[in-house]
Amino acid sequence: MKNSGRSEIFAHDLPATRLDPALQAKRDQKIKVAMIGLCGCWGCTLSFLDMDEALLGLLDKVTILRSSITDIKRISERCRIGFIEGGVANEENIETLQHFRENCDILISVGACAIWGGVPAMRNDVELSECLDEAYVHSPTRVENAIPVVPWSEDLPKITTKVYPCHEVVKMDYFIPGCPPDGAAILKVLDDLVNGREVDLPSSINRYD
């Protein structure tokens, strides 16, 4: 079956049951990877994209089952590696992070928000009720003469009282610092793990800003 033109790294172009047996066998041999963005700005996801053509060398070894740039909601198969961007700021983040921990052998915190909470964690020194009042009741951008209302619905994830780094919710195996990290740093960690090497992130591509 011919490729549709999209990169083979994304695993859900076609249902597995429709794949040619030879292609299915090749796919099953690849290392399965999942990634997600929790409470953050998606800057780390953009760093993944910044790998550009450097990622081509891993296409024969890696299959991305779930990512922030697809509409796939759950991990459908056991994954070797999971990348987590963003901190934990609501109950849905907690459930998603736990789902990744249960379905990934190796879990990696990517970026400042995942590692220590980042900018969203600035609200940790203020009561949650004060944050909501400032955002919705006393906001200088609210519509004049409108009745201020703090949004609430059973369909909205319940906000946690503080923003947590991922390792305070589940065990994380590796950390890639930066706001955001360079694409080269993420690629180096992925390349080491895919090829069975000990992760070694040199200072020349590591960053803490």
N, C-alpha and C. Protein backbone atom coordinates (compact mmCIF):
# COMPACT_ATOMS: atom_id res chain seq x y z
N MET A 1 0.85 -1.19 0.00
CA MET A 1 0.00 0.00 0.00
C MET A 1 0.88 1.23 0.00
N LYS A 2 0.63 2.14 -0.90
CA LYS A 2 1.47 3.32 -1.03
C LYS A 2 1.19 4.32 0.07
N ASN A 3 2.25 5.04 0.45
CA ASN A 3 2.12 6.08 1.45
C ASN A 3 1.27 7.22 0.89
N SER A 4 0.39 7.80 1.72
CA SER A 4 -0.50 8.86 1.28
C SER A 4 0.19 10.20 1.10
N GLY A 5 1.46 10.29 1.50
CA GLY A 5 2.20 11.55 1.37
C GLY A 5 2.54 12.14 2.71
N ARG A 6 1.83 11.72 3.76
CA ARG A 6 2.16 12.19 5.10
C ARG A 6 3.28 11.33 5.68
N SER A 7 4.01 11.89 6.62
CA SER A 7 5.15 11.19 7.18
C SER A 7 4.72 9.91 7.86
N GLU A 8 5.49 8.84 7.68
CA GLU A 8 5.17 7.56 8.28
C GLU A 8 5.33 7.57 9.79
N ILE A 9 5.93 8.63 10.32
CA ILE A 9 6.13 8.69 11.76
C ILE A 9 4.82 8.76 12.51
N PHE A 10 3.75 9.25 11.87
CA PHE A 10 2.44 9.26 12.51
C PHE A 10 1.73 7.96 12.21
N ALA A 11 1.28 7.30 13.28
CA ALA A 11 0.87 5.91 13.16
C ALA A 11 -0.57 5.72 12.76
N HIS A 12 -1.38 6.77 12.79
CA HIS A 12 -2.81 6.57 12.64
C HIS A 12 -3.35 7.06 11.30
N ASP A 13 -2.55 7.01 10.25
CA ASP A 13 -3.06 7.36 8.93
C ASP A 13 -4.16 6.38 8.52
N LEU A 14 -3.95 5.10 8.84
CA LEU A 14 -4.91 4.05 8.50
C LEU A 14 -5.07 3.12 9.69
N PRO A 15 -6.23 2.53 9.88
CA PRO A 15 -6.39 1.54 10.94
C PRO A 15 -5.41 0.40 10.74
N ALA A 16 -4.87 -0.13 11.82
CA ALA A 16 -3.86 -1.18 11.72
C ALA A 16 -4.38 -2.40 10.97
N THR A 17 -5.65 -2.70 11.08
CA THR A 17 -6.21 -3.89 10.45
C THR A 17 -6.20 -3.80 8.93
N ARG A 18 -6.02 -2.60 8.37
CA ARG A 18 -6.03 -2.41 6.93
C ARG A 18 -4.63 -2.35 6.34
N LEU A 19 -3.61 -2.40 7.20
CA LEU A 19 -2.25 -2.32 6.71
C LEU A 19 -1.82 -3.64 6.08
N ASP A 20 -0.98 -3.53 5.05
CA ASP A 20 -0.35 -4.70 4.48
C ASP A 20 0.45 -5.41 5.58
N PRO A 21 0.43 -6.74 5.65
CA PRO A 21 1.14 -7.46 6.73
C PRO A 21 2.60 -7.07 6.86
N ALA A 22 3.27 -6.84 5.73
CA ALA A 22 4.68 -6.46 5.79
C ALA A 22 4.86 -5.08 6.43
N LEU A 23 3.97 -4.13 6.09
CA LEU A 23 4.03 -2.81 6.70
C LEU A 23 3.65 -2.86 8.16
N GLN A 24 2.69 -3.72 8.50
CA GLN A 24 2.29 -3.87 9.90
C GLN A 24 3.45 -4.40 10.73
N ALA A 25 4.18 -5.37 10.20
CA ALA A 25 5.32 -5.93 10.92
C ALA A 25 6.40 -4.88 11.13
N LYS A 26 6.63 -4.07 10.07
CA LYS A 26 7.62 -3.00 10.19
C LYS A 26 7.21 -1.99 11.24
N ARG A 27 5.93 -1.65 11.26
CA ARG A 27 5.40 -0.69 12.24
C ARG A 27 5.54 -1.24 13.66
N ASP A 28 5.26 -2.52 13.85
CA ASP A 28 5.32 -3.12 15.19
C ASP A 28 6.73 -3.15 15.74
N GLN A 29 7.73 -3.12 14.86
CA GLN A 29 9.11 -3.16 15.31
C GLN A 29 9.60 -1.79 15.77
N LYS A 30 8.89 -0.75 15.42
CA LYS A 30 9.32 0.60 15.78
C LYS A 30 9.06 0.89 17.25
N ILE A 31 9.86 1.81 17.78
CA ILE A 31 9.67 2.25 19.16
C ILE A 31 8.52 3.25 19.19
N LYS A 32 7.54 2.98 20.02
CA LYS A 32 6.34 3.81 20.06
C LYS A 32 6.54 4.97 21.04
N VAL A 33 6.16 6.15 20.59
CA VAL A 33 6.34 7.38 21.36
C VAL A 33 5.01 8.11 21.46
N ALA A 34 4.75 8.73 22.62
CA ALA A 34 3.56 9.57 22.81
C ALA A 34 4.01 10.89 23.42
N MET A 35 3.24 11.95 23.16
CA MET A 35 3.57 13.25 23.74
C MET A 35 2.29 14.03 23.99
N ILE A 36 2.34 14.93 24.97
CA ILE A 36 1.15 15.71 25.34
C ILE A 36 1.58 17.03 25.95
N GLY A 37 0.76 18.04 25.78
CA GLY A 37 0.95 19.32 26.45
C GLY A 37 -0.11 19.52 27.51
N LEU A 38 0.29 19.78 28.73
CA LEU A 38 -0.66 20.04 29.82
C LEU A 38 -0.82 21.55 29.96
N CYS A 39 -0.56 22.14 31.14
CA CYS A 39 -0.71 23.58 31.31
C CYS A 39 0.59 24.28 30.93
N GLY A 40 0.60 24.84 29.73
CA GLY A 40 1.79 25.52 29.23
C GLY A 40 1.43 26.33 28.00
N CYS A 41 2.43 26.71 27.24
CA CYS A 41 2.21 27.60 26.10
C CYS A 41 2.41 26.93 24.76
N TRP A 42 2.75 25.64 24.76
CA TRP A 42 3.03 24.89 23.53
C TRP A 42 4.38 25.24 22.93
N GLY A 43 5.17 26.01 23.62
CA GLY A 43 6.50 26.33 23.11
C GLY A 43 7.37 25.10 22.96
N CYS A 44 7.22 24.13 23.87
CA CYS A 44 8.01 22.90 23.79
C CYS A 44 7.57 22.04 22.62
N THR A 45 6.27 22.07 22.31
CA THR A 45 5.78 21.37 21.12
C THR A 45 6.41 21.96 19.86
N LEU A 46 6.54 23.27 19.83
CA LEU A 46 7.19 23.91 18.70
C LEU A 46 8.66 23.51 18.60
N SER A 47 9.28 23.24 19.76
CA SER A 47 10.67 22.77 19.73
C SER A 47 10.76 21.39 19.09
N PHE A 48 9.74 20.55 19.31
CA PHE A 48 9.70 19.27 18.61
C PHE A 48 9.71 19.49 17.10
N LEU A 49 8.91 20.44 16.66
CA LEU A 49 8.84 20.73 15.23
C LEU A 49 10.15 21.33 14.73
N ASP A 50 10.88 22.01 15.63
CA ASP A 50 12.16 22.61 15.24
C ASP A 50 13.25 21.58 14.96
N MET A 51 12.96 20.30 15.23
CA MET A 51 13.93 19.26 14.87
C MET A 51 14.12 19.21 13.35
N ASP A 52 13.05 19.59 12.62
CA ASP A 52 13.10 19.66 11.16
C ASP A 52 13.63 18.35 10.56
N GLU A 53 14.52 18.47 9.58
CA GLU A 53 14.99 17.28 8.86
C GLU A 53 15.87 16.39 9.72
N ALA A 54 16.32 16.89 10.89
CA ALA A 54 17.16 16.07 11.76
C ALA A 54 16.40 14.84 12.27
N LEU A 55 15.07 14.94 12.29
CA LEU A 55 14.25 13.83 12.76
C LEU A 55 14.17 12.70 11.74
N LEU A 56 14.52 12.97 10.50
CA LEU A 56 14.38 11.97 9.44
C LEU A 56 15.19 10.71 9.72
N GLY A 57 16.30 10.89 10.42
CA GLY A 57 17.15 9.74 10.71
C GLY A 57 16.51 8.74 11.66
N LEU A 58 15.43 9.15 12.34
CA LEU A 58 14.77 8.25 13.28
C LEU A 58 13.48 7.65 12.73
N LEU A 59 13.10 8.00 11.51
CA LEU A 59 11.81 7.58 10.99
C LEU A 59 11.66 6.07 10.90
N ASP A 60 12.77 5.38 10.68
CA ASP A 60 12.71 3.92 10.56
C ASP A 60 12.64 3.25 11.92
N LYS A 61 12.79 4.04 13.00
CA LYS A 61 12.83 3.44 14.33
C LYS A 61 11.70 3.91 15.24
N VAL A 62 11.01 5.00 14.88
CA VAL A 62 10.04 5.63 15.79
C VAL A 62 8.67 5.75 15.15
N THR A 63 7.65 5.49 15.95
CA THR A 63 6.26 5.75 15.56
C THR A 63 5.62 6.59 16.65
N ILE A 64 5.05 7.74 16.30
CA ILE A 64 4.36 8.58 17.26
C ILE A 64 2.88 8.18 17.28
N LEU A 65 2.45 7.64 18.40
CA LEU A 65 1.06 7.18 18.52
C LEU A 65 0.11 8.28 18.93
N ARG A 66 0.60 9.22 19.74
CA ARG A 66 -0.29 10.28 20.24
C ARG A 66 0.54 11.53 20.42
N SER A 67 0.01 12.67 19.97
CA SER A 67 0.76 13.91 20.12
C SER A 67 -0.20 15.08 20.23
N SER A 68 0.33 16.23 20.64
CA SER A 68 -0.48 17.43 20.79
C SER A 68 -0.92 18.01 19.46
N ILE A 69 -0.30 17.58 18.37
CA ILE A 69 -0.64 18.14 17.07
C ILE A 69 -1.57 17.21 16.29
N THR A 70 -2.11 16.20 16.97
CA THR A 70 -3.14 15.36 16.38
C THR A 70 -4.39 15.45 17.25
N ASP A 71 -5.47 14.82 16.82
CA ASP A 71 -6.71 14.84 17.60
C ASP A 71 -6.93 13.51 18.31
N ILE A 72 -5.86 12.75 18.49
CA ILE A 72 -5.96 11.47 19.19
C ILE A 72 -5.95 11.74 20.69
N LYS A 73 -6.97 11.25 21.39
CA LYS A 73 -7.15 11.62 22.79
C LYS A 73 -6.47 10.67 23.78
N ARG A 74 -6.32 9.39 23.40
CA ARG A 74 -5.79 8.41 24.33
C ARG A 74 -4.65 7.63 23.68
N ILE A 75 -3.78 7.08 24.51
CA ILE A 75 -2.73 6.20 24.03
C ILE A 75 -3.35 4.84 23.75
N SER A 76 -3.27 4.38 22.52
CA SER A 76 -3.96 3.15 22.12
C SER A 76 -3.13 1.89 22.33
N GLU A 77 -1.80 2.05 22.43
CA GLU A 77 -0.91 0.91 22.61
C GLU A 77 0.19 1.30 23.61
N ARG A 78 0.78 0.29 24.22
CA ARG A 78 1.89 0.54 25.14
C ARG A 78 3.01 1.28 24.43
N CYS A 79 3.52 2.35 25.04
CA CYS A 79 4.59 3.16 24.46
C CYS A 79 5.88 3.01 25.25
N ARG A 80 6.97 3.06 24.53
CA ARG A 80 8.26 3.02 25.19
C ARG A 80 8.59 4.36 25.84
N ILE A 81 8.26 5.48 25.15
CA ILE A 81 8.66 6.81 25.60
C ILE A 81 7.46 7.76 25.58
N GLY A 82 7.30 8.55 26.63
CA GLY A 82 6.29 9.59 26.68
C GLY A 82 6.92 10.93 27.03
N PHE A 83 6.61 11.96 26.25
CA PHE A 83 7.10 13.31 26.51
C PHE A 83 5.95 14.15 27.05
N ILE A 84 6.20 14.86 28.17
CA ILE A 84 5.18 15.69 28.80
C ILE A 84 5.63 17.14 28.81
N GLU A 85 4.84 18.00 28.19
CA GLU A 85 5.06 19.45 28.26
C GLU A 85 4.00 20.05 29.17
N GLY A 86 4.36 21.06 29.94
CA GLY A 86 3.38 21.77 30.77
C GLY A 86 3.24 21.19 32.16
N GLY A 87 2.77 22.04 33.08
CA GLY A 87 2.54 21.61 34.45
C GLY A 87 1.13 21.09 34.64
N VAL A 88 0.81 20.81 35.89
CA VAL A 88 -0.50 20.23 36.25
C VAL A 88 -1.33 21.30 36.94
N ALA A 89 -2.42 21.72 36.29
CA ALA A 89 -3.21 22.83 36.82
C ALA A 89 -4.69 22.51 37.00
N ASN A 90 -5.12 21.31 36.59
CA ASN A 90 -6.51 20.94 36.79
C ASN A 90 -6.64 19.42 36.83
N GLU A 91 -7.84 18.95 37.15
CA GLU A 91 -8.05 17.51 37.32
C GLU A 91 -7.83 16.73 36.03
N GLU A 92 -8.14 17.35 34.89
CA GLU A 92 -7.92 16.67 33.61
C GLU A 92 -6.42 16.47 33.38
N ASN A 93 -5.60 17.46 33.75
CA ASN A 93 -4.15 17.30 33.64
C ASN A 93 -3.67 16.11 34.47
N ILE A 94 -4.21 15.98 35.67
CA ILE A 94 -3.82 14.87 36.54
C ILE A 94 -4.16 13.53 35.90
N GLU A 95 -5.39 13.42 35.40
CA GLU A 95 -5.83 12.17 34.79
C GLU A 95 -4.99 11.83 33.57
N THR A 96 -4.69 12.84 32.75
CA THR A 96 -3.90 12.63 31.54
C THR A 96 -2.48 12.19 31.89
N LEU A 97 -1.87 12.84 32.88
CA LEU A 97 -0.52 12.49 33.29
C LEU A 97 -0.47 11.07 33.85
N GLN A 98 -1.45 10.70 34.64
CA GLN A 98 -1.51 9.34 35.18
C GLN A 98 -1.68 8.32 34.06
N HIS A 99 -2.50 8.66 33.06
CA HIS A 99 -2.69 7.78 31.90
C HIS A 99 -1.37 7.56 31.16
N PHE A 100 -0.58 8.62 31.00
CA PHE A 100 0.72 8.48 30.36
C PHE A 100 1.66 7.62 31.20
N ARG A 101 1.66 7.83 32.52
CA ARG A 101 2.53 7.04 33.38
C ARG A 101 2.17 5.56 33.31
N GLU A 102 0.91 5.25 33.23
CA GLU A 102 0.46 3.87 33.18
C GLU A 102 0.76 3.21 31.84
N ASN A 103 0.93 4.02 30.79
CA ASN A 103 1.06 3.46 29.44
C ASN A 103 2.40 3.72 28.78
N CYS A 104 3.35 4.32 29.51
CA CYS A 104 4.68 4.60 28.96
C CYS A 104 5.75 4.01 29.87
N ASP A 105 6.73 3.36 29.28
CA ASP A 105 7.83 2.81 30.07
C ASP A 105 8.71 3.93 30.63
N ILE A 106 8.98 4.91 29.80
CA ILE A 106 9.84 6.04 30.17
C ILE A 106 9.04 7.32 30.01
N LEU A 107 9.04 8.17 31.04
CA LEU A 107 8.30 9.43 30.99
C LEU A 107 9.26 10.59 31.20
N ILE A 108 9.16 11.60 30.33
CA ILE A 108 10.13 12.70 30.31
C ILE A 108 9.42 14.04 30.48
N SER A 109 9.86 14.84 31.44
CA SER A 109 9.38 16.21 31.60
C SER A 109 10.15 17.11 30.64
N VAL A 110 9.41 17.83 29.80
CA VAL A 110 10.03 18.69 28.80
C VAL A 110 9.70 20.15 29.10
N GLY A 111 10.71 20.95 29.43
CA GLY A 111 10.51 22.37 29.64
C GLY A 111 10.24 22.77 31.08
N ALA A 112 10.31 24.08 31.32
CA ALA A 112 10.22 24.64 32.66
C ALA A 112 8.88 24.35 33.34
N CYS A 113 7.79 24.40 32.59
CA CYS A 113 6.47 24.20 33.21
C CYS A 113 6.32 22.78 33.74
N ALA A 114 6.77 21.79 32.95
CA ALA A 114 6.67 20.40 33.39
C ALA A 114 7.61 20.11 34.55
N ILE A 115 8.76 20.80 34.58
CA ILE A 115 9.77 20.50 35.60
C ILE A 115 9.50 21.21 36.92
N TRP A 116 9.09 22.47 36.87
CA TRP A 116 8.85 23.17 38.15
C TRP A 116 7.56 23.99 38.18
N GLY A 117 6.78 23.97 37.14
CA GLY A 117 5.51 24.71 37.12
C GLY A 117 5.53 25.89 36.19
N GLY A 118 6.72 26.49 36.00
CA GLY A 118 6.87 27.57 35.04
C GLY A 118 6.04 28.80 35.36
N VAL A 119 5.72 29.57 34.35
CA VAL A 119 4.95 30.80 34.51
C VAL A 119 3.58 30.54 35.15
N PRO A 120 2.85 29.48 34.77
CA PRO A 120 1.54 29.24 35.41
C PRO A 120 1.63 29.10 36.93
N ALA A 121 2.79 28.64 37.44
CA ALA A 121 2.94 28.45 38.88
C ALA A 121 3.09 29.76 39.64
N MET A 122 3.15 30.88 38.94
CA MET A 122 3.21 32.17 39.62
C MET A 122 1.95 32.41 40.45
N ARG A 123 0.86 31.72 40.12
CA ARG A 123 -0.36 31.89 40.91
C ARG A 123 -0.32 31.12 42.23
N ASN A 124 0.73 30.33 42.46
CA ASN A 124 0.77 29.50 43.67
C ASN A 124 0.87 30.32 44.96
N ASP A 125 1.32 31.56 44.86
CA ASP A 125 1.44 32.41 46.05
C ASP A 125 0.15 33.16 46.36
N VAL A 126 -0.88 32.94 45.55
CA VAL A 126 -2.15 33.64 45.71
C VAL A 126 -3.27 32.60 45.82
N GLU A 127 -4.27 32.88 46.63
CA GLU A 127 -5.41 31.98 46.74
C GLU A 127 -6.11 31.85 45.38
N LEU A 128 -6.58 30.65 45.09
CA LEU A 128 -7.24 30.41 43.81
C LEU A 128 -8.44 31.34 43.62
N SER A 129 -9.19 31.57 44.67
CA SER A 129 -10.36 32.45 44.56
C SER A 129 -9.94 33.86 44.15
N GLU A 130 -8.80 34.33 44.65
CA GLU A 130 -8.31 35.66 44.27
C GLU A 130 -7.90 35.69 42.80
N CYS A 131 -7.31 34.62 42.32
CA CYS A 131 -6.93 34.55 40.90
C CYS A 131 -8.16 34.62 40.00
N LEU A 132 -9.20 33.88 40.37
CA LEU A 132 -10.42 33.87 39.56
C LEU A 132 -11.12 35.22 39.60
N ASP A 133 -11.12 35.87 40.77
CA ASP A 133 -11.72 37.21 40.88
C ASP A 133 -10.98 38.21 40.00
N GLU A 134 -9.66 38.13 40.03
CA GLU A 134 -8.85 39.05 39.24
C GLU A 134 -9.09 38.83 37.74
N ALA A 135 -9.25 37.57 37.35
CA ALA A 135 -9.39 37.24 35.94
C ALA A 135 -10.79 37.56 35.40
N TYR A 136 -11.83 37.36 36.24
CA TYR A 136 -13.20 37.47 35.72
C TYR A 136 -14.05 38.57 36.35
N VAL A 137 -13.80 38.87 37.63
CA VAL A 137 -14.63 39.86 38.32
C VAL A 137 -14.04 41.25 38.22
N HIS A 138 -12.76 41.39 38.47
CA HIS A 138 -12.12 42.70 38.48
C HIS A 138 -11.24 42.94 37.25
N SER A 139 -11.36 42.14 36.26
CA SER A 139 -10.52 42.27 35.07
C SER A 139 -10.76 43.62 34.38
N PRO A 140 -9.69 44.34 34.03
CA PRO A 140 -9.87 45.63 33.33
C PRO A 140 -10.39 45.45 31.90
N THR A 141 -10.39 44.23 31.40
CA THR A 141 -10.85 44.00 30.02
C THR A 141 -12.28 43.45 29.96
N ARG A 142 -12.94 43.30 31.11
CA ARG A 142 -14.31 42.78 31.06
C ARG A 142 -15.26 43.82 30.46
N VAL A 143 -16.36 43.35 29.93
CA VAL A 143 -17.33 44.23 29.27
C VAL A 143 -17.96 45.17 30.31
N GLU A 144 -17.98 46.45 30.00
CA GLU A 144 -18.52 47.45 30.93
C GLU A 144 -20.00 47.19 31.20
N ASN A 145 -20.38 47.31 32.45
CA ASN A 145 -21.76 47.13 32.93
C ASN A 145 -22.25 45.68 32.86
N ALA A 146 -21.39 44.76 32.44
CA ALA A 146 -21.78 43.35 32.45
C ALA A 146 -21.66 42.79 33.86
N ILE A 147 -22.53 41.85 34.18
CA ILE A 147 -22.46 41.20 35.50
C ILE A 147 -21.28 40.23 35.50
N PRO A 148 -20.30 40.46 36.38
CA PRO A 148 -19.12 39.57 36.39
C PRO A 148 -19.48 38.18 36.89
N VAL A 149 -19.04 37.18 36.18
CA VAL A 149 -19.32 35.79 36.53
C VAL A 149 -18.05 34.97 36.37
N VAL A 150 -17.74 34.19 37.38
CA VAL A 150 -16.64 33.23 37.27
C VAL A 150 -17.19 31.98 36.60
N PRO A 151 -16.68 31.60 35.45
CA PRO A 151 -17.24 30.46 34.71
C PRO A 151 -17.23 29.18 35.54
N TRP A 152 -18.32 28.45 35.45
CA TRP A 152 -18.40 27.15 36.12
C TRP A 152 -19.31 26.24 35.33
N SER A 153 -18.88 25.02 35.15
CA SER A 153 -19.70 24.01 34.49
C SER A 153 -19.14 22.65 34.86
N GLU A 154 -20.00 21.65 34.93
CA GLU A 154 -19.53 20.30 35.18
C GLU A 154 -18.65 19.79 34.04
N ASP A 155 -18.77 20.41 32.88
CA ASP A 155 -17.97 20.01 31.73
C ASP A 155 -16.57 20.62 31.75
N LEU A 156 -16.33 21.60 32.62
CA LEU A 156 -15.01 22.23 32.72
C LEU A 156 -14.17 21.49 33.75
N PRO A 157 -12.92 21.18 33.45
CA PRO A 157 -12.05 20.53 34.44
C PRO A 157 -11.90 21.39 35.69
N LYS A 158 -11.96 20.77 36.85
CA LYS A 158 -11.80 21.50 38.10
C LYS A 158 -10.35 21.95 38.26
N ILE A 159 -10.16 23.24 38.52
CA ILE A 159 -8.81 23.81 38.67
C ILE A 159 -8.23 23.40 40.02
N THR A 160 -6.98 23.00 40.02
CA THR A 160 -6.31 22.66 41.27
C THR A 160 -5.94 23.94 42.03
N THR A 161 -5.77 23.83 43.32
CA THR A 161 -5.49 25.00 44.15
C THR A 161 -4.10 25.59 43.85
N LYS A 162 -3.21 24.79 43.27
CA LYS A 162 -1.89 25.28 42.85
C LYS A 162 -1.49 24.53 41.59
N VAL A 163 -0.45 25.02 40.93
CA VAL A 163 0.11 24.37 39.76
C VAL A 163 1.27 23.49 40.20
N TYR A 164 1.24 22.22 39.82
CA TYR A 164 2.25 21.25 40.25
C TYR A 164 3.18 20.88 39.10
N PRO A 165 4.47 20.72 39.39
CA PRO A 165 5.34 20.10 38.40
C PRO A 165 4.97 18.62 38.26
N CYS A 166 5.27 18.04 37.13
CA CYS A 166 4.80 16.67 36.87
C CYS A 166 5.32 15.65 37.88
N HIS A 167 6.56 15.81 38.33
CA HIS A 167 7.13 14.81 39.22
C HIS A 167 6.50 14.81 40.61
N GLU A 168 5.68 15.81 40.93
CA GLU A 168 4.96 15.80 42.19
C GLU A 168 3.64 15.04 42.08
N VAL A 169 3.31 14.62 40.87
CA VAL A 169 2.07 13.87 40.65
C VAL A 169 2.37 12.41 40.32
N VAL A 170 3.34 12.17 39.43
CA VAL A 170 3.77 10.81 39.09
C VAL A 170 5.29 10.79 39.00
N LYS A 171 5.85 9.61 38.93
CA LYS A 171 7.30 9.47 38.78
C LYS A 171 7.69 9.84 37.35
N MET A 172 8.68 10.72 37.23
CA MET A 172 9.24 11.08 35.93
C MET A 172 10.66 10.53 35.85
N ASP A 173 11.06 10.10 34.67
CA ASP A 173 12.34 9.42 34.52
C ASP A 173 13.47 10.34 34.05
N TYR A 174 13.14 11.33 33.21
CA TYR A 174 14.15 12.26 32.71
C TYR A 174 13.56 13.66 32.65
N PHE A 175 14.47 14.66 32.61
CA PHE A 175 14.07 16.06 32.56
C PHE A 175 14.88 16.79 31.49
N ILE A 176 14.18 17.54 30.64
CA ILE A 176 14.85 18.36 29.62
C ILE A 176 14.49 19.81 29.92
N PRO A 177 15.39 20.57 30.56
CA PRO A 177 15.06 21.94 30.98
C PRO A 177 15.05 22.92 29.81
N GLY A 178 14.52 24.11 30.09
CA GLY A 178 14.49 25.18 29.09
C GLY A 178 13.10 25.73 28.92
N CYS A 179 13.00 26.96 28.45
CA CYS A 179 11.70 27.60 28.23
C CYS A 179 11.69 28.33 26.89
N PRO A 180 11.55 27.53 25.80
CA PRO A 180 11.52 26.06 25.78
C PRO A 180 12.92 25.50 25.56
N PRO A 181 13.09 24.17 25.66
CA PRO A 181 14.36 23.56 25.29
C PRO A 181 14.59 23.70 23.78
N ASP A 182 15.83 23.63 23.37
CA ASP A 182 16.13 23.59 21.95
C ASP A 182 15.66 22.26 21.37
N GLY A 183 15.24 22.30 20.11
CA GLY A 183 14.86 21.06 19.44
C GLY A 183 16.00 20.06 19.45
N ALA A 184 17.24 20.56 19.37
CA ALA A 184 18.41 19.68 19.36
C ALA A 184 18.53 18.89 20.66
N ALA A 185 18.14 19.50 21.78
CA ALA A 185 18.20 18.82 23.07
C ALA A 185 17.18 17.69 23.14
N ILE A 186 15.97 17.96 22.67
CA ILE A 186 14.93 16.92 22.66
C ILE A 186 15.34 15.78 21.73
N LEU A 187 15.87 16.13 20.57
CA LEU A 187 16.30 15.12 19.61
C LEU A 187 17.42 14.26 20.19
N LYS A 188 18.35 14.88 20.91
CA LYS A 188 19.47 14.13 21.50
C LYS A 188 18.97 13.10 22.49
N VAL A 189 18.03 13.49 23.36
CA VAL A 189 17.48 12.55 24.34
C VAL A 189 16.73 11.43 23.64
N LEU A 190 15.91 11.77 22.65
CA LEU A 190 15.16 10.76 21.91
C LEU A 190 16.11 9.81 21.19
N ASP A 191 17.14 10.35 20.55
CA ASP A 191 18.10 9.53 19.82
C ASP A 191 18.85 8.58 20.75
N ASP A 192 19.24 9.07 21.93
CA ASP A 192 19.93 8.21 22.90
C ASP A 192 19.03 7.05 23.32
N LEU A 193 17.78 7.35 23.66
CA LEU A 193 16.87 6.31 24.14
C LEU A 193 16.54 5.30 23.04
N VAL A 194 16.29 5.81 21.85
CA VAL A 194 15.93 4.92 20.73
C VAL A 194 17.08 3.97 20.40
N ASN A 195 18.31 4.44 20.55
CA ASN A 195 19.47 3.62 20.20
C ASN A 195 20.08 2.91 21.40
N GLY A 196 19.38 2.91 22.53
CA GLY A 196 19.82 2.14 23.69
C GLY A 196 21.01 2.70 24.42
N ARG A 197 21.28 4.00 24.23
CA ARG A 197 22.41 4.62 24.93
C ARG A 197 21.92 5.30 26.21
N GLU A 198 22.85 5.47 27.15
CA GLU A 198 22.55 6.26 28.34
C GLU A 198 22.34 7.72 27.91
N VAL A 199 21.31 8.35 28.45
CA VAL A 199 21.02 9.73 28.06
C VAL A 199 22.15 10.64 28.51
N ASP A 200 22.67 11.41 27.58
CA ASP A 200 23.77 12.34 27.86
C ASP A 200 23.46 13.64 27.13
N LEU A 201 23.02 14.64 27.88
CA LEU A 201 22.64 15.92 27.30
C LEU A 201 23.76 16.93 27.52
N PRO A 202 24.56 17.22 26.51
CA PRO A 202 25.72 18.12 26.68
C PRO A 202 25.29 19.55 26.97
N SER A 203 26.13 20.26 27.69
CA SER A 203 25.82 21.64 28.07
C SER A 203 25.70 22.56 26.86
N SER A 204 26.31 22.18 25.75
CA SER A 204 26.27 23.04 24.56
C SER A 204 24.87 23.18 23.99
N ILE A 205 24.00 22.21 24.23
CA ILE A 205 22.62 22.30 23.73
C ILE A 205 21.60 22.30 24.86
N ASN A 206 22.08 22.31 26.10
CA ASN A 206 21.18 22.36 27.25
C ASN A 206 20.98 23.81 27.66
N ARG A 207 19.85 24.12 28.23
CA ARG A 207 19.59 25.49 28.66
C ARG A 207 18.61 25.49 29.82
N TYR A 208 18.63 26.58 30.61
CA TYR A 208 17.78 26.69 31.79
C TYR A 208 16.94 27.96 31.77
N ASP A 209 16.99 28.74 30.67
CA ASP A 209 16.20 29.97 30.60
C ASP A 209 14.86 29.69 29.94
